[in-house]
Amino acid sequence: MTANRKGILLMIAAVASFAVQDGFSRHLAGTYNTLMVVMVRYWCFAGFVTVLALRRPEGFRAAIRSRRLPAHVVRSLLLVAEICVIIYGYTLIGLIESHAVFTCYPLLVAALSGPILGEQVGWRRWSAIGVGFVGVLIILQPGFAVFSPWALVPLLSSFLFALYGLLTRYVARKDAASVSFFWTGTAGAVAMTPIGLWHWQAMTPADWVWMATLCCTGALGHWLLIRTYAVAEASAVQPFAYLQLVFVAVLGITLFGEALQTHVIVGAAIVVSAGVFTLWRQRLRAQISAPSTLP
């Protein structure tokens, strides 16, 4: 329990760092090309994971050796695409609504884990998935007022991130988390460099400071996340990742003048509740020796 409490505090610190990183990304992408911003962000990410791999006791080559390298490359490309899409969504509909929709990704992971990974999804989790997507519809408000098709951008981002999460679970069956982490950063940087350089724009010295801070908060967030899973059970700390929505809402309101609408609050509460229930069912099933006894 003490380890899990420490893990919870580390998870809260990690998602706070990621929320700040999202705020910086939103600011920079409002002035510069999104693809260039993501490229520089990935340069820092690649440097960070390379330093971690070099410090591994088993040696650099052993630390990055993978038995499922093609899957690592595909999942890295999915994450790159997801980050580009969500940052673009920030510039279209803001931080708050983008993240409110994006929080449905655990439900997508649960829904797709059956056909992709062959996992059993019982009726209770299917019910939670259905309820969660009712929450997404409340946020998007199709058929009410003026529905913006741009609101579907963060939904696409959550779908890409769900696929990334499923592939992460797939490669974890053969490779250590440190191997996955290394290829996520380096393959993503290689993929983004030619694209980002093609859209290069000169940045002001002040904005380079913001970019450097963005990279530092991203590295800090990843380091905190690594420490989180090193000291605590993933199922115990994962629900606290939803606090990122709270931190993002504070940044969106205070820094970018966004409004916290009632339908977004209600919809996000439904999505988060459904997601937490899904995580709880997943944890419960993992603790049962005969999971087929739970529908």
C-alpha atoms as a PDB file:
ATOM      1  CA  MET A   1       0.000   0.000   0.000  1.00  0.00           C
ATOM      2  CA  THR A   2       2.861   2.404   0.785  1.00  0.00           C
ATOM      3  CA  ALA A   3       4.365   1.721  -2.652  1.00  0.00           C
ATOM      4  CA  ASN A   4       1.019   2.328  -4.326  1.00  0.00           C
ATOM      5  CA  ARG A   5       0.591   5.640  -2.480  1.00  0.00           C
ATOM      6  CA  LYS A   6       4.012   6.723  -3.703  1.00  0.00           C
ATOM      7  CA  GLY A   7       3.066   5.576  -7.202  1.00  0.00           C
ATOM      8  CA  ILE A   8      -0.140   7.604  -7.081  1.00  0.00           C
ATOM      9  CA  LEU A   9       1.781  10.761  -6.153  1.00  0.00           C
ATOM     10  CA  LEU A  10       4.271  10.101  -8.948  1.00  0.00           C
ATOM     11  CA  MET A  11       1.435   9.540 -11.435  1.00  0.00           C
ATOM     12  CA  ILE A  12      -0.208  12.823 -10.436  1.00  0.00           C
ATOM     13  CA  ALA A  13       3.121  14.628 -10.897  1.00  0.00           C
ATOM     14  CA  ALA A  14       3.597  12.904 -14.275  1.00  0.00           C
ATOM     15  CA  VAL A  15       0.199  13.899 -15.665  1.00  0.00           C
ATOM     16  CA  ALA A  16       0.699  17.441 -14.362  1.00  0.00           C
ATOM     17  CA  SER A  17       3.945  17.575 -16.357  1.00  0.00           C
ATOM     18  CA  PHE A  18       2.206  16.237 -19.448  1.00  0.00           C
ATOM     19  CA  ALA A  19      -0.572  18.809 -19.036  1.00  0.00           C
ATOM     20  CA  VAL A  20       2.005  21.611 -18.948  1.00  0.00           C
ATOM     21  CA  GLN A  21       3.640  20.098 -22.032  1.00  0.00           C
ATOM     22  CA  ASP A  22       0.251  20.146 -23.774  1.00  0.00           C
ATOM     23  CA  GLY A  23      -0.156  23.795 -22.849  1.00  0.00           C
ATOM     24  CA  PHE A  24       3.216  24.679 -24.383  1.00  0.00           C
ATOM     25  CA  SER A  25       2.364  22.602 -27.478  1.00  0.00           C
ATOM     26  CA  ARG A  26      -0.942  24.450 -27.806  1.00  0.00           C
ATOM     27  CA  HIS A  27       0.851  27.808 -27.556  1.00  0.00           C
ATOM     28  CA  LEU A  28       3.586  26.980 -30.081  1.00  0.00           C
ATOM     29  CA  ALA A  29       1.291  25.226 -32.559  1.00  0.00           C
ATOM     30  CA  GLY A  30      -0.853  28.350 -32.632  1.00  0.00           C
ATOM     31  CA  THR A  31       2.097  30.208 -34.192  1.00  0.00           C
ATOM     32  CA  TYR A  32       4.229  27.562 -35.895  1.00  0.00           C
ATOM     33  CA  ASN A  33       3.544  24.503 -37.996  1.00  0.00           C
ATOM     34  CA  THR A  34       2.377  21.574 -35.862  1.00  0.00           C
ATOM     35  CA  LEU A  35       4.667  19.104 -37.659  1.00  0.00           C
ATOM     36  CA  MET A  36       7.752  21.183 -36.877  1.00  0.00           C
ATOM     37  CA  VAL A  37       6.767  21.466 -33.202  1.00  0.00           C
ATOM     38  CA  VAL A  38       6.291  17.696 -32.954  1.00  0.00           C
ATOM     39  CA  MET A  39       9.628  17.090 -34.699  1.00  0.00           C
ATOM     40  CA  VAL A  40      11.602  19.179 -32.176  1.00  0.00           C
ATOM     41  CA  ARG A  41       9.666  17.543 -29.359  1.00  0.00           C
ATOM     42  CA  TYR A  42      10.681  14.122 -30.689  1.00  0.00           C
ATOM     43  CA  TRP A  43      14.334  15.122 -31.016  1.00  0.00           C
ATOM     44  CA  CYS A  44      14.375  15.698 -27.273  1.00  0.00           C
ATOM     45  CA  PHE A  45      12.427  12.492 -26.659  1.00  0.00           C
ATOM     46  CA  ALA A  46      14.925  10.462 -28.744  1.00  0.00           C
ATOM     47  CA  GLY A  47      17.852  11.981 -26.865  1.00  0.00           C
ATOM     48  CA  PHE A  48      16.203  11.178 -23.547  1.00  0.00           C
ATOM     49  CA  VAL A  49      15.546   7.493 -24.331  1.00  0.00           C
ATOM     50  CA  THR A  50      19.045   7.089 -25.799  1.00  0.00           C
ATOM     51  CA  VAL A  51      20.635   8.366 -22.581  1.00  0.00           C
ATOM     52  CA  LEU A  52      18.457   5.947 -20.590  1.00  0.00           C
ATOM     53  CA  ALA A  53      19.480   3.029 -22.831  1.00  0.00           C
ATOM     54  CA  LEU A  54      23.174   3.931 -22.507  1.00  0.00           C
ATOM     55  CA  ARG A  55      22.823   3.839 -18.725  1.00  0.00           C
ATOM     56  CA  ARG A  56      21.254   0.354 -18.676  1.00  0.00           C
ATOM     57  CA  PRO A  57      23.451  -2.146 -16.759  1.00  0.00           C
ATOM     58  CA  GLU A  58      23.135  -4.814 -19.466  1.00  0.00           C
ATOM     59  CA  GLY A  59      24.696  -2.498 -22.076  1.00  0.00           C
ATOM     60  CA  PHE A  60      23.273  -0.403 -24.898  1.00  0.00           C
ATOM     61  CA  ARG A  61      22.919  -3.131 -27.541  1.00  0.00           C
ATOM     62  CA  ALA A  62      21.191  -5.509 -25.158  1.00  0.00           C
ATOM     63  CA  ALA A  63      18.942  -2.714 -23.891  1.00  0.00           C
ATOM     64  CA  ILE A  64      17.556  -1.972 -27.361  1.00  0.00           C
ATOM     65  CA  ARG A  65      17.464  -5.504 -28.832  1.00  0.00           C
ATOM     66  CA  SER A  66      13.902  -6.391 -29.845  1.00  0.00           C
ATOM     67  CA  ARG A  67      12.208  -9.552 -31.024  1.00  0.00           C
ATOM     68  CA  ARG A  68       9.327  -7.565 -32.497  1.00  0.00           C
ATOM     69  CA  LEU A  69      11.009  -4.600 -34.140  1.00  0.00           C
ATOM     70  CA  PRO A  70       8.441  -4.131 -36.979  1.00  0.00           C
ATOM     71  CA  ALA A  71       5.656  -3.892 -34.383  1.00  0.00           C
ATOM     72  CA  HIS A  72       7.692  -1.298 -32.468  1.00  0.00           C
ATOM     73  CA  VAL A  73       8.080   0.795 -35.619  1.00  0.00           C
ATOM     74  CA  VAL A  74       4.343   0.624 -36.358  1.00  0.00           C
ATOM     75  CA  ARG A  75       3.391   1.604 -32.811  1.00  0.00           C
ATOM     76  CA  SER A  76       5.891   4.479 -32.921  1.00  0.00           C
ATOM     77  CA  LEU A  77       4.333   5.774 -36.136  1.00  0.00           C
ATOM     78  CA  LEU A  78       0.881   5.503 -34.569  1.00  0.00           C
ATOM     79  CA  LEU A  79       2.020   7.578 -31.597  1.00  0.00           C
ATOM     80  CA  VAL A  80       3.621  10.197 -33.850  1.00  0.00           C
ATOM     81  CA  ALA A  81       0.397  10.496 -35.830  1.00  0.00           C
ATOM     82  CA  GLU A  82      -1.650  10.684 -32.625  1.00  0.00           C
ATOM     83  CA  ILE A  83       0.474  13.504 -31.202  1.00  0.00           C
ATOM     84  CA  CYS A  84       0.267  15.487 -34.448  1.00  0.00           C
ATOM     85  CA  VAL A  85      -3.511  15.056 -34.578  1.00  0.00           C
ATOM     86  CA  ILE A  86      -4.169  15.977 -30.930  1.00  0.00           C
ATOM     87  CA  ILE A  87      -1.953  19.078 -31.055  1.00  0.00           C
ATOM     88  CA  TYR A  88      -3.733  20.159 -34.225  1.00  0.00           C
ATOM     89  CA  GLY A  89      -6.985  19.593 -32.347  1.00  0.00           C
ATOM     90  CA  TYR A  90      -5.796  21.947 -29.589  1.00  0.00           C
ATOM     91  CA  THR A  91      -5.524  24.745 -32.156  1.00  0.00           C
ATOM     92  CA  LEU A  92      -9.000  23.999 -33.538  1.00  0.00           C
ATOM     93  CA  ILE A  93     -11.249  23.454 -30.510  1.00  0.00           C
ATOM     94  CA  GLY A  94      -8.958  24.101 -27.539  1.00  0.00           C
ATOM     95  CA  LEU A  95      -7.297  22.056 -24.806  1.00  0.00           C
ATOM     96  CA  ILE A  96     -10.360  21.315 -22.707  1.00  0.00           C
ATOM     97  CA  GLU A  97     -12.708  19.866 -25.315  1.00  0.00           C
ATOM     98  CA  SER A  98      -9.876  18.009 -27.059  1.00  0.00           C
ATOM     99  CA  HIS A  99      -8.859  16.260 -23.852  1.00  0.00           C
ATOM    100  CA  ALA A 100     -12.458  15.632 -22.830  1.00  0.00           C
ATOM    101  CA  VAL A 101     -12.975  13.622 -26.026  1.00  0.00           C
ATOM    102  CA  PHE A 102      -9.517  12.039 -25.887  1.00  0.00           C
ATOM    103  CA  THR A 103     -10.221  10.497 -22.463  1.00  0.00           C
ATOM    104  CA  CYS A 104     -12.320   7.811 -24.155  1.00  0.00           C
ATOM    105  CA  TYR A 105      -9.187   5.977 -25.356  1.00  0.00           C
ATOM    106  CA  PRO A 106      -9.231   3.344 -22.535  1.00  0.00           C
ATOM    107  CA  LEU A 107     -12.733   2.415 -23.687  1.00  0.00           C
ATOM    108  CA  LEU A 108     -11.464   2.010 -27.241  1.00  0.00           C
ATOM    109  CA  VAL A 109      -8.610  -0.153 -25.934  1.00  0.00           C
ATOM    110  CA  ALA A 110     -11.120  -2.366 -24.122  1.00  0.00           C
ATOM    111  CA  ALA A 111     -13.372  -2.579 -27.185  1.00  0.00           C
ATOM    112  CA  LEU A 112     -10.528  -3.443 -29.577  1.00  0.00           C
ATOM    113  CA  SER A 113      -8.640  -5.812 -27.264  1.00  0.00           C
ATOM    114  CA  GLY A 114     -10.955  -8.663 -28.269  1.00  0.00           C
ATOM    115  CA  PRO A 115     -10.590  -8.579 -32.073  1.00  0.00           C
ATOM    116  CA  ILE A 116      -6.916  -7.478 -32.042  1.00  0.00           C
ATOM    117  CA  LEU A 117      -5.402  -9.296 -29.062  1.00  0.00           C
ATOM    118  CA  GLY A 118      -7.951 -12.070 -28.619  1.00  0.00           C
ATOM    119  CA  GLU A 119      -8.828 -10.978 -25.080  1.00  0.00           C
ATOM    120  CA  GLN A 120     -12.236 -11.700 -23.601  1.00  0.00           C
ATOM    121  CA  VAL A 121     -14.463  -8.667 -23.003  1.00  0.00           C
ATOM    122  CA  GLY A 122     -17.518  -9.415 -20.888  1.00  0.00           C
ATOM    123  CA  TRP A 123     -20.897  -7.747 -20.921  1.00  0.00           C
ATOM    124  CA  ARG A 124     -20.079  -5.496 -17.974  1.00  0.00           C
ATOM    125  CA  ARG A 125     -17.142  -3.910 -19.773  1.00  0.00           C
ATOM    126  CA  TRP A 126     -19.152  -3.680 -22.998  1.00  0.00           C
ATOM    127  CA  SER A 127     -21.821  -1.841 -21.003  1.00  0.00           C
ATOM    128  CA  ALA A 128     -19.191   0.551 -19.634  1.00  0.00           C
ATOM    129  CA  ILE A 129     -17.900   1.118 -23.168  1.00  0.00           C
ATOM    130  CA  GLY A 130     -21.415   1.958 -24.359  1.00  0.00           C
ATOM    131  CA  VAL A 131     -21.997   4.353 -21.458  1.00  0.00           C
ATOM    132  CA  GLY A 132     -18.637   5.996 -22.104  1.00  0.00           C
ATOM    133  CA  PHE A 133     -19.484   6.712 -25.698  1.00  0.00           C
ATOM    134  CA  VAL A 134     -22.766   8.255 -24.617  1.00  0.00           C
ATOM    135  CA  GLY A 135     -20.532  10.658 -22.674  1.00  0.00           C
ATOM    136  CA  VAL A 136     -18.533  11.364 -25.834  1.00  0.00           C
ATOM    137  CA  LEU A 137     -21.757  12.165 -27.690  1.00  0.00           C
ATOM    138  CA  ILE A 138     -22.750  14.559 -24.911  1.00  0.00           C
ATOM    139  CA  ILE A 139     -19.412  16.351 -25.341  1.00  0.00           C
ATOM    140  CA  LEU A 140     -19.665  16.486 -29.130  1.00  0.00           C
ATOM    141  CA  GLN A 141     -23.375  17.424 -29.134  1.00  0.00           C
ATOM    142  CA  PRO A 142     -24.226  16.145 -32.621  1.00  0.00           C
ATOM    143  CA  GLY A 143     -27.541  17.590 -33.776  1.00  0.00           C
ATOM    144  CA  PHE A 144     -27.473  20.439 -31.249  1.00  0.00           C
ATOM    145  CA  ALA A 145     -26.539  24.042 -31.968  1.00  0.00           C
ATOM    146  CA  VAL A 146     -23.720  24.138 -34.539  1.00  0.00           C
ATOM    147  CA  PHE A 147     -21.765  20.883 -34.535  1.00  0.00           C
ATOM    148  CA  SER A 148     -18.170  21.432 -35.587  1.00  0.00           C
ATOM    149  CA  PRO A 149     -16.659  18.551 -37.562  1.00  0.00           C
ATOM    150  CA  TRP A 150     -13.310  19.584 -36.057  1.00  0.00           C
ATOM    151  CA  ALA A 151     -14.529  18.043 -32.800  1.00  0.00           C
ATOM    152  CA  LEU A 152     -13.909  14.667 -34.438  1.00  0.00           C
ATOM    153  CA  VAL A 153     -10.157  15.391 -34.622  1.00  0.00           C
ATOM    154  CA  PRO A 154      -9.446  14.458 -30.964  1.00  0.00           C
ATOM    155  CA  LEU A 155     -11.682  11.398 -31.420  1.00  0.00           C
ATOM    156  CA  LEU A 156      -9.378  10.269 -34.233  1.00  0.00           C
ATOM    157  CA  SER A 157      -6.437  10.947 -31.919  1.00  0.00           C
ATOM    158  CA  SER A 158      -7.914   8.724 -29.194  1.00  0.00           C
ATOM    159  CA  PHE A 159      -8.440   5.940 -31.750  1.00  0.00           C
ATOM    160  CA  LEU A 160      -4.797   6.141 -32.855  1.00  0.00           C
ATOM    161  CA  PHE A 161      -3.649   6.138 -29.235  1.00  0.00           C
ATOM    162  CA  ALA A 162      -5.811   3.095 -28.487  1.00  0.00           C
ATOM    163  CA  LEU A 163      -4.153   1.209 -31.352  1.00  0.00           C
ATOM    164  CA  TYR A 164      -0.777   2.307 -30.000  1.00  0.00           C
ATOM    165  CA  GLY A 165      -1.749   1.024 -26.548  1.00  0.00           C
ATOM    166  CA  LEU A 166      -2.831  -2.347 -27.920  1.00  0.00           C
ATOM    167  CA  LEU A 167       0.417  -2.750 -29.852  1.00  0.00           C
ATOM    168  CA  THR A 168       2.314  -1.790 -26.690  1.00  0.00           C
ATOM    169  CA  ARG A 169       0.631  -4.667 -24.875  1.00  0.00           C
ATOM    170  CA  TYR A 170       1.444  -6.948 -27.813  1.00  0.00           C
ATOM    171  CA  VAL A 171       5.186  -6.163 -27.871  1.00  0.00           C
ATOM    172  CA  ALA A 172       5.330  -6.350 -24.065  1.00  0.00           C
ATOM    173  CA  ARG A 173       4.790 -10.102 -24.372  1.00  0.00           C
ATOM    174  CA  LYS A 174       8.303 -10.423 -25.848  1.00  0.00           C
ATOM    175  CA  ASP A 175      10.217  -7.209 -25.019  1.00  0.00           C
ATOM    176  CA  ALA A 176      10.944  -5.257 -21.855  1.00  0.00           C
ATOM    177  CA  ALA A 177       9.368  -1.847 -21.301  1.00  0.00           C
ATOM    178  CA  SER A 178      12.785  -0.183 -21.701  1.00  0.00           C
ATOM    179  CA  VAL A 179      13.065  -1.621 -25.225  1.00  0.00           C
ATOM    180  CA  SER A 180       9.615  -0.312 -26.153  1.00  0.00           C
ATOM    181  CA  PHE A 181      10.457   3.092 -24.718  1.00  0.00           C
ATOM    182  CA  PHE A 182      13.669   3.362 -26.726  1.00  0.00           C
ATOM    183  CA  TRP A 183      12.074   2.481 -30.073  1.00  0.00           C
ATOM    184  CA  THR A 184       9.099   4.750 -29.396  1.00  0.00           C
ATOM    185  CA  GLY A 185      11.388   7.771 -29.158  1.00  0.00           C
ATOM    186  CA  THR A 186      13.983   6.979 -31.799  1.00  0.00           C
ATOM    187  CA  ALA A 187      11.680   5.605 -34.518  1.00  0.00           C
ATOM    188  CA  GLY A 188       9.340   8.544 -33.985  1.00  0.00           C
ATOM    189  CA  ALA A 189      12.201  11.039 -34.320  1.00  0.00           C
ATOM    190  CA  VAL A 190      13.419   9.389 -37.531  1.00  0.00           C
ATOM    191  CA  ALA A 191       9.896   9.479 -38.980  1.00  0.00           C
ATOM    192  CA  MET A 192       9.233  13.108 -38.036  1.00  0.00           C
ATOM    193  CA  THR A 193      12.570  14.644 -39.044  1.00  0.00           C
ATOM    194  CA  PRO A 194      12.099  14.806 -42.858  1.00  0.00           C
ATOM    195  CA  ILE A 195       8.467  15.874 -42.457  1.00  0.00           C
ATOM    196  CA  GLY A 196       9.197  18.516 -39.831  1.00  0.00           C
ATOM    197  CA  LEU A 197      12.212  19.941 -41.669  1.00  0.00           C
ATOM    198  CA  TRP A 198      10.059  20.371 -44.791  1.00  0.00           C
ATOM    199  CA  HIS A 199       7.743  22.605 -42.709  1.00  0.00           C
ATOM    200  CA  TRP A 200      10.525  24.409 -40.853  1.00  0.00           C
ATOM    201  CA  GLN A 201       9.806  27.953 -39.673  1.00  0.00           C
ATOM    202  CA  ALA A 202      12.224  30.316 -37.965  1.00  0.00           C
ATOM    203  CA  MET A 203      11.399  30.704 -34.275  1.00  0.00           C
ATOM    204  CA  THR A 204      11.951  33.730 -32.097  1.00  0.00           C
ATOM    205  CA  PRO A 205      14.421  33.401 -29.173  1.00  0.00           C
ATOM    206  CA  ALA A 206      11.507  33.662 -26.715  1.00  0.00           C
ATOM    207  CA  ASP A 207       9.671  30.810 -28.405  1.00  0.00           C
ATOM    208  CA  TRP A 208      12.817  28.683 -28.362  1.00  0.00           C
ATOM    209  CA  VAL A 209      12.701  29.086 -24.579  1.00  0.00           C
ATOM    210  CA  TRP A 210       9.100  27.827 -24.619  1.00  0.00           C
ATOM    211  CA  MET A 211      10.159  24.935 -26.858  1.00  0.00           C
ATOM    212  CA  ALA A 212      13.023  24.005 -24.532  1.00  0.00           C
ATOM    213  CA  THR A 213      10.646  24.098 -21.566  1.00  0.00           C
ATOM    214  CA  LEU A 214       8.177  21.914 -23.494  1.00  0.00           C
ATOM    215  CA  CYS A 215      10.916  19.336 -24.091  1.00  0.00           C
ATOM    216  CA  CYS A 216      12.019  19.420 -20.447  1.00  0.00           C
ATOM    217  CA  THR A 217       8.483  18.926 -19.127  1.00  0.00           C
ATOM    218  CA  GLY A 218       8.007  16.037 -21.549  1.00  0.00           C
ATOM    219  CA  ALA A 219      11.218  14.346 -20.386  1.00  0.00           C
ATOM    220  CA  LEU A 220      10.254  14.961 -16.754  1.00  0.00           C
ATOM    221  CA  GLY A 221       6.799  13.493 -17.338  1.00  0.00           C
ATOM    222  CA  HIS A 222       8.224  10.342 -18.930  1.00  0.00           C
ATOM    223  CA  TRP A 223      10.783   9.936 -16.134  1.00  0.00           C
ATOM    224  CA  LEU A 224       8.040  10.282 -13.503  1.00  0.00           C
ATOM    225  CA  LEU A 225       5.928   7.743 -15.373  1.00  0.00           C
ATOM    226  CA  ILE A 226       8.813   5.264 -15.416  1.00  0.00           C
ATOM    227  CA  ARG A 227       9.269   5.743 -11.675  1.00  0.00           C
ATOM    228  CA  THR A 228       5.514   5.325 -11.165  1.00  0.00           C
ATOM    229  CA  TYR A 229       5.384   1.887 -12.761  1.00  0.00           C
ATOM    230  CA  ALA A 230       8.642   0.896 -11.062  1.00  0.00           C
ATOM    231  CA  VAL A 231       7.212   1.330  -7.551  1.00  0.00           C
ATOM    232  CA  ALA A 232       3.473   0.642  -7.912  1.00  0.00           C
ATOM    233  CA  GLU A 233       0.949  -1.618  -9.601  1.00  0.00           C
ATOM    234  CA  ALA A 234      -0.200  -0.202 -12.932  1.00  0.00           C
ATOM    235  CA  SER A 235      -3.865  -0.986 -12.188  1.00  0.00           C
ATOM    236  CA  ALA A 236      -3.662   0.949  -8.914  1.00  0.00           C
ATOM    237  CA  VAL A 237      -2.259   4.161 -10.389  1.00  0.00           C
ATOM    238  CA  GLN A 238      -3.813   4.217 -13.872  1.00  0.00           C
ATOM    239  CA  PRO A 239      -7.156   5.818 -12.828  1.00  0.00           C
ATOM    240  CA  PHE A 240      -5.236   8.854 -11.560  1.00  0.00           C
ATOM    241  CA  ALA A 241      -4.048   9.537 -15.114  1.00  0.00           C
ATOM    242  CA  TYR A 242      -7.488  11.069 -15.665  1.00  0.00           C
ATOM    243  CA  LEU A 243      -6.402  13.993 -13.487  1.00  0.00           C
ATOM    244  CA  GLN A 244      -4.612  15.271 -16.573  1.00  0.00           C
ATOM    245  CA  LEU A 245      -8.032  16.477 -17.754  1.00  0.00           C
ATOM    246  CA  VAL A 246      -8.339  18.598 -14.593  1.00  0.00           C
ATOM    247  CA  PHE A 247      -4.874  20.120 -15.034  1.00  0.00           C
ATOM    248  CA  VAL A 248      -5.565  20.788 -18.717  1.00  0.00           C
ATOM    249  CA  ALA A 249      -8.854  22.481 -17.844  1.00  0.00           C
ATOM    250  CA  VAL A 250      -7.067  24.825 -15.434  1.00  0.00           C
ATOM    251  CA  LEU A 251      -4.494  25.736 -18.107  1.00  0.00           C
ATOM    252  CA  GLY A 252      -7.143  26.157 -20.783  1.00  0.00           C
ATOM    253  CA  ILE A 253      -9.193  28.533 -18.643  1.00  0.00           C
ATOM    254  CA  THR A 254      -6.361  30.571 -17.094  1.00  0.00           C
ATOM    255  CA  LEU A 255      -3.939  30.827 -20.035  1.00  0.00           C
ATOM    256  CA  PHE A 256      -6.022  30.466 -23.178  1.00  0.00           C
ATOM    257  CA  GLY A 257      -9.366  31.922 -22.090  1.00  0.00           C
ATOM    258  CA  GLU A 258     -11.299  28.748 -22.832  1.00  0.00           C
ATOM    259  CA  ALA A 259     -14.738  28.186 -21.299  1.00  0.00           C
ATOM    260  CA  LEU A 260     -15.677  25.099 -19.309  1.00  0.00           C
ATOM    261  CA  GLN A 261     -19.096  24.223 -20.723  1.00  0.00           C
ATOM    262  CA  THR A 262     -21.697  22.232 -18.817  1.00  0.00           C
ATOM    263  CA  HIS A 263     -22.088  19.550 -21.488  1.00  0.00           C
ATOM    264  CA  VAL A 264     -18.309  19.036 -21.520  1.00  0.00           C
ATOM    265  CA  ILE A 265     -18.236  18.578 -17.727  1.00  0.00           C
ATOM    266  CA  VAL A 266     -21.142  16.104 -17.777  1.00  0.00           C
ATOM    267  CA  GLY A 267     -19.819  14.175 -20.768  1.00  0.00           C
ATOM    268  CA  ALA A 268     -16.262  14.002 -19.420  1.00  0.00           C
ATOM    269  CA  ALA A 269     -17.528  12.791 -16.022  1.00  0.00           C
ATOM    270  CA  ILE A 270     -19.409   9.965 -17.742  1.00  0.00           C
ATOM    271  CA  VAL A 271     -16.408   9.016 -19.886  1.00  0.00           C
ATOM    272  CA  VAL A 272     -14.008   9.030 -16.928  1.00  0.00           C
ATOM    273  CA  SER A 273     -16.400   6.997 -14.759  1.00  0.00           C
ATOM    274  CA  ALA A 274     -16.803   4.401 -17.499  1.00  0.00           C
ATOM    275  CA  GLY A 275     -13.031   4.299 -18.021  1.00  0.00           C
ATOM    276  CA  VAL A 276     -12.315   3.817 -14.305  1.00  0.00           C
ATOM    277  CA  PHE A 277     -14.894   1.012 -14.160  1.00  0.00           C
ATOM    278  CA  THR A 278     -13.232  -0.657 -17.162  1.00  0.00           C
ATOM    279  CA  LEU A 279      -9.819  -0.430 -15.488  1.00  0.00           C
ATOM    280  CA  TRP A 280     -11.265  -1.861 -12.282  1.00  0.00           C
ATOM    281  CA  ARG A 281     -12.802  -4.822 -14.145  1.00  0.00           C
ATOM    282  CA  GLN A 282      -9.491  -5.439 -15.908  1.00  0.00           C
ATOM    283  CA  ARG A 283      -7.674  -5.443 -12.563  1.00  0.00           C
ATOM    284  CA  LEU A 284     -10.267  -7.761 -11.021  1.00  0.00           C
ATOM    285  CA  ARG A 285     -10.032 -10.234 -13.878  1.00  0.00           C
ATOM    286  CA  ALA A 286      -6.247 -10.271 -13.596  1.00  0.00           C
ATOM    287  CA  GLN A 287      -6.565 -11.288  -9.933  1.00  0.00           C
ATOM    288  CA  ILE A 288      -8.896 -14.195 -10.671  1.00  0.00           C
ATOM    289  CA  SER A 289      -7.280 -17.471 -11.634  1.00  0.00           C
ATOM    290  CA  ALA A 290     -10.253 -18.447 -13.795  1.00  0.00           C
ATOM    291  CA  PRO A 291     -11.266 -15.221 -15.595  1.00  0.00           C
ATOM    292  CA  SER A 292     -13.985 -17.037 -17.540  1.00  0.00           C
ATOM    293  CA  THR A 293     -16.057 -17.124 -14.336  1.00  0.00           C
ATOM    294  CA  LEU A 294     -16.526 -13.351 -14.659  1.00  0.00           C
ATOM    295  CA  PRO A 295     -18.770 -12.276 -17.552  1.00  0.00           C
END
